Amino acid sequence: MKRFLMLLPLVAMLAACGTTRVDDVTSQKPEAATMKKVLVLGVNTTPEIQRAMEEGFSRSLAARGRVVVLASDWFPGEKQPTRDQLAARVKAEGVTGVLVTRLLSYEVSAVQENRPEFSLYSPARTAGARVGWEQDPWVAGFEGADKPREISPVIERKAVVETRLYDAATGQVMWEAHSKTRLEGDAARNFKGFISVIMAQLRKSGWL
């Protein structure tokens, strides 16, 4: 029991970030200068989602000696900045790295699940009693177990996302990941799980 209680925080952590799967990661040699002042930018999404995503990354990237700025602070409102506008602001503000998260596509699918109907409840036997096969409650408990029970389709939503880290001085892509996030009703949990997975991959590649 004690061991089970010790595992609960780990289980909770996995549950929070288990909805995101990273399919592919490529990385150049980590450069500390790139991470000195990082601009976080969300692209191809709504202003609300962009802001939430940028704030989440900002909190996760915060570290001594590193400055993190949000594109939504620079360019508030619904209109995305042009590449030239962004490049000019990056140069003027002395940004060294740009972390861009882009929504590539949004997948919606219906998943049909068939589960056998089975009850764990069976009446207690009388000790020493002999019961016929057909009347045995332990056999009756399995009746219908091989008959699938129709369940309403489950709608599954997935966000296909590309995350890139650019070196601001050269414009080169220094790190890139493609991922899929299964979206749940809790938007905060979606962002938390996605950001946790991306940060873990950046750390694994040596950038953090």
Protein backbone atom coordinates (compact mmCIF):
# COMPACT_ATOMS: atom_id res chain seq x y z
CA MET A 1 0.00 0.00 0.00
CA LYS A 2 2.83 2.37 0.88
CA ARG A 3 4.51 1.70 -2.45
CA PHE A 4 1.21 2.36 -4.26
CA LEU A 5 0.86 5.74 -2.54
CA MET A 6 4.41 6.63 -3.53
CA LEU A 7 3.55 5.92 -7.18
CA LEU A 8 0.46 8.15 -7.23
CA PRO A 9 2.35 11.41 -8.08
CA LEU A 10 4.06 9.62 -10.97
CA VAL A 11 0.76 8.28 -12.27
CA ALA A 12 -0.78 11.75 -12.05
CA MET A 13 2.14 13.24 -13.95
CA LEU A 14 1.89 10.67 -16.74
CA ALA A 15 -1.85 11.23 -16.98
CA ALA A 16 -1.29 14.94 -17.45
CA CYS A 17 1.13 14.56 -20.33
CA GLY A 18 0.14 11.22 -21.81
CA THR A 19 -2.19 12.78 -24.44
CA THR A 20 0.72 14.08 -26.55
CA ARG A 21 2.87 11.85 -28.74
CA VAL A 22 6.04 13.14 -30.42
CA ASP A 23 6.55 11.44 -33.78
CA ASP A 24 9.83 13.02 -34.89
CA VAL A 25 12.60 15.18 -33.41
CA THR A 26 15.63 16.68 -35.15
CA SER A 27 18.27 18.77 -33.42
CA GLN A 28 21.44 20.67 -34.19
CA LYS A 29 24.24 21.01 -31.66
CA PRO A 30 22.88 23.00 -28.68
CA GLU A 31 24.08 26.61 -28.51
CA ALA A 32 23.71 28.41 -25.18
CA ALA A 33 23.53 31.81 -26.91
CA THR A 34 20.34 30.77 -28.75
CA MET A 35 18.55 30.30 -25.43
CA LYS A 36 19.72 33.56 -23.84
CA LYS A 37 16.68 35.62 -24.88
CA VAL A 38 13.83 33.57 -26.34
CA LEU A 39 10.75 34.81 -28.15
CA VAL A 40 7.79 32.39 -27.85
CA LEU A 41 5.34 32.50 -30.76
CA GLY A 42 2.12 30.59 -31.46
CA VAL A 43 1.06 30.48 -35.11
CA ASN A 44 -2.10 29.49 -37.03
CA THR A 45 -4.46 29.47 -34.07
CA THR A 46 -6.86 31.76 -32.22
CA PRO A 47 -5.56 34.69 -30.13
CA GLU A 48 -6.81 33.00 -26.93
CA ILE A 49 -5.03 29.72 -27.65
CA GLN A 50 -1.92 31.56 -28.81
CA ARG A 51 -1.78 33.52 -25.57
CA ALA A 52 -2.34 30.46 -23.38
CA MET A 53 0.33 28.49 -25.23
CA GLU A 54 2.87 31.30 -25.10
CA GLU A 55 2.30 31.87 -21.39
CA GLY A 56 2.70 28.14 -20.71
CA PHE A 57 6.00 27.96 -22.55
CA SER A 58 7.16 31.17 -20.88
CA ARG A 59 6.68 29.66 -17.41
CA SER A 60 8.42 26.44 -18.39
CA LEU A 61 11.39 28.19 -20.04
CA ALA A 62 11.96 30.63 -17.18
CA ALA A 63 15.47 30.21 -15.79
CA ARG A 64 18.30 32.27 -14.34
CA GLY A 65 20.15 34.09 -17.10
CA ARG A 66 17.34 33.59 -19.63
CA VAL A 67 14.77 36.15 -20.73
CA VAL A 68 11.50 34.96 -22.29
CA VAL A 69 9.20 37.28 -24.23
CA LEU A 70 5.76 36.64 -25.77
CA ALA A 71 4.82 37.52 -29.31
CA SER A 72 1.28 38.29 -28.16
CA ASP A 73 2.72 41.09 -25.99
CA TRP A 74 4.51 42.56 -28.99
CA PHE A 75 1.60 42.21 -31.41
CA PRO A 76 -1.69 42.12 -29.46
CA GLY A 77 -4.94 41.48 -31.27
CA GLU A 78 -6.11 39.00 -33.85
CA LYS A 79 -3.76 39.85 -36.73
CA GLN A 80 -0.54 37.85 -36.95
CA PRO A 81 2.63 39.85 -37.67
CA THR A 82 4.35 39.44 -41.03
CA ARG A 83 7.75 37.78 -41.19
CA ASP A 84 9.42 41.14 -41.86
CA GLN A 85 7.70 42.76 -38.88
CA LEU A 86 8.74 39.90 -36.64
CA ALA A 87 12.34 39.90 -37.89
CA ALA A 88 12.67 43.65 -37.35
CA ARG A 89 11.34 43.43 -33.79
CA VAL A 90 13.52 40.42 -32.98
CA LYS A 91 16.62 42.32 -34.12
CA ALA A 92 15.64 45.51 -32.28
CA GLU A 93 14.96 43.66 -29.02
CA GLY A 94 18.13 41.56 -29.13
CA VAL A 95 16.30 38.21 -29.24
CA THR A 96 18.67 35.28 -29.76
CA GLY A 97 16.21 32.41 -30.21
CA VAL A 98 12.62 32.03 -31.43
CA LEU A 99 10.43 29.10 -30.39
CA VAL A 100 7.54 28.76 -32.84
CA THR A 101 4.59 26.42 -32.29
CA ARG A 102 2.42 26.00 -35.38
CA LEU A 103 -0.89 24.14 -35.66
CA LEU A 104 -0.55 22.08 -38.85
CA SER A 105 -3.90 20.33 -38.84
CA TYR A 106 -6.87 19.34 -36.71
CA GLU A 107 -8.14 15.77 -36.93
CA VAL A 108 -11.61 14.63 -35.86
CA SER A 109 -12.53 10.97 -35.92
CA ALA A 110 -15.17 8.68 -34.41
CA VAL A 111 -13.81 5.70 -32.51
CA GLN A 112 -16.28 2.82 -32.13
CA GLU A 113 -15.67 0.67 -29.09
CA ASN A 114 -17.21 -2.73 -28.43
CA ARG A 115 -16.87 -4.05 -24.91
CA PRO A 116 -18.17 -7.36 -23.56
CA GLU A 117 -20.87 -7.15 -20.92
CA PHE A 118 -19.69 -8.86 -17.78
CA SER A 119 -20.58 -8.66 -14.10
CA LEU A 120 -18.13 -9.44 -11.34
CA TYR A 121 -21.01 -10.12 -8.98
CA SER A 122 -21.99 -13.72 -8.29
CA PRO A 123 -23.90 -15.08 -5.27
CA ALA A 124 -21.83 -16.85 -2.64
CA ARG A 125 -21.72 -20.62 -2.71
CA THR A 126 -22.73 -22.80 0.20
CA ALA A 127 -19.64 -24.59 1.43
CA GLY A 128 -19.62 -28.23 0.29
CA ALA A 129 -22.78 -27.86 -1.79
CA ARG A 130 -22.94 -29.57 -5.18
CA VAL A 131 -24.48 -27.38 -7.86
CA GLY A 132 -25.45 -28.40 -11.38
CA TRP A 133 -23.62 -26.81 -14.33
CA GLU A 134 -26.58 -24.75 -15.57
CA GLN A 135 -27.52 -23.49 -12.12
CA ASP A 136 -23.98 -22.71 -10.98
CA PRO A 137 -23.90 -18.91 -10.30
CA TRP A 138 -20.19 -18.81 -11.17
CA VAL A 139 -21.00 -20.06 -14.64
CA ALA A 140 -24.07 -17.83 -14.96
CA GLY A 141 -21.85 -14.84 -14.20
CA PHE A 142 -20.23 -15.28 -17.61
CA GLU A 143 -23.49 -15.36 -19.55
CA GLY A 144 -23.36 -12.83 -22.36
CA ALA A 145 -19.63 -12.19 -21.88
CA ASP A 146 -19.00 -13.16 -25.50
CA LYS A 147 -21.74 -10.88 -26.83
CA PRO A 148 -20.47 -7.39 -27.71
CA ARG A 149 -22.44 -4.48 -26.33
CA GLU A 150 -22.78 -1.51 -28.63
CA ILE A 151 -21.41 1.72 -27.25
CA SER A 152 -21.98 5.14 -28.75
CA PRO A 153 -19.06 6.33 -30.90
CA VAL A 154 -16.41 8.32 -29.07
CA ILE A 155 -15.36 11.49 -30.88
CA GLU A 156 -11.58 11.86 -30.79
CA ARG A 157 -9.92 15.18 -31.61
CA LYS A 158 -6.21 15.53 -32.32
CA ALA A 159 -4.07 18.60 -32.92
CA VAL A 160 -1.08 17.99 -35.20
CA VAL A 161 1.62 20.47 -34.20
CA GLU A 162 5.07 21.51 -35.40
CA THR A 163 7.44 23.12 -32.89
CA ARG A 164 10.66 24.77 -34.06
CA LEU A 165 13.50 26.59 -32.35
CA TYR A 166 15.26 29.12 -34.58
CA ASP A 167 18.59 30.82 -34.03
CA ALA A 168 17.72 34.50 -34.48
CA ALA A 169 21.16 35.49 -35.77
CA THR A 170 21.28 32.97 -38.63
CA GLY A 171 17.60 32.12 -39.12
CA GLN A 172 18.54 28.43 -38.99
CA VAL A 173 16.20 25.82 -37.52
CA MET A 174 18.14 24.47 -34.55
CA TRP A 175 15.53 22.06 -33.19
CA GLU A 176 12.25 20.68 -34.53
CA ALA A 177 9.53 18.31 -33.33
CA HIS A 178 6.28 17.03 -34.81
CA SER A 179 3.61 15.89 -32.37
CA LYS A 180 -0.01 14.89 -32.01
CA THR A 181 -2.10 15.91 -29.01
CA ARG A 182 -5.39 14.18 -28.18
CA LEU A 183 -7.62 17.03 -27.05
CA GLU A 184 -9.76 16.70 -23.96
CA GLY A 185 -12.41 18.99 -22.52
CA ASP A 186 -9.94 20.67 -20.18
CA ALA A 187 -7.93 23.14 -22.30
CA ALA A 188 -5.51 23.87 -19.45
CA ARG A 189 -4.68 20.19 -19.18
CA ASN A 190 -4.15 19.96 -22.95
CA PHE A 191 -1.59 22.78 -22.86
CA LYS A 192 0.10 21.48 -19.73
CA GLY A 193 0.53 18.02 -21.20
CA PHE A 194 1.73 19.29 -24.58
CA ILE A 195 4.21 21.75 -23.12
CA SER A 196 5.55 19.16 -20.66
CA VAL A 197 6.30 16.74 -23.49
CA ILE A 198 7.96 19.38 -25.70
CA MET A 199 10.07 20.65 -22.81
CA ALA A 200 11.15 17.08 -22.03
CA GLN A 201 12.27 16.64 -25.65
CA LEU A 202 14.20 19.95 -25.62
CA ARG A 203 15.88 18.84 -22.41
CA LYS A 204 16.70 15.43 -23.89
CA SER A 205 18.31 17.16 -26.89
CA GLY A 206 20.49 19.23 -24.57
CA TRP A 207 18.86 22.63 -25.04
CA LEU A 208 17.72 23.03 -21.44
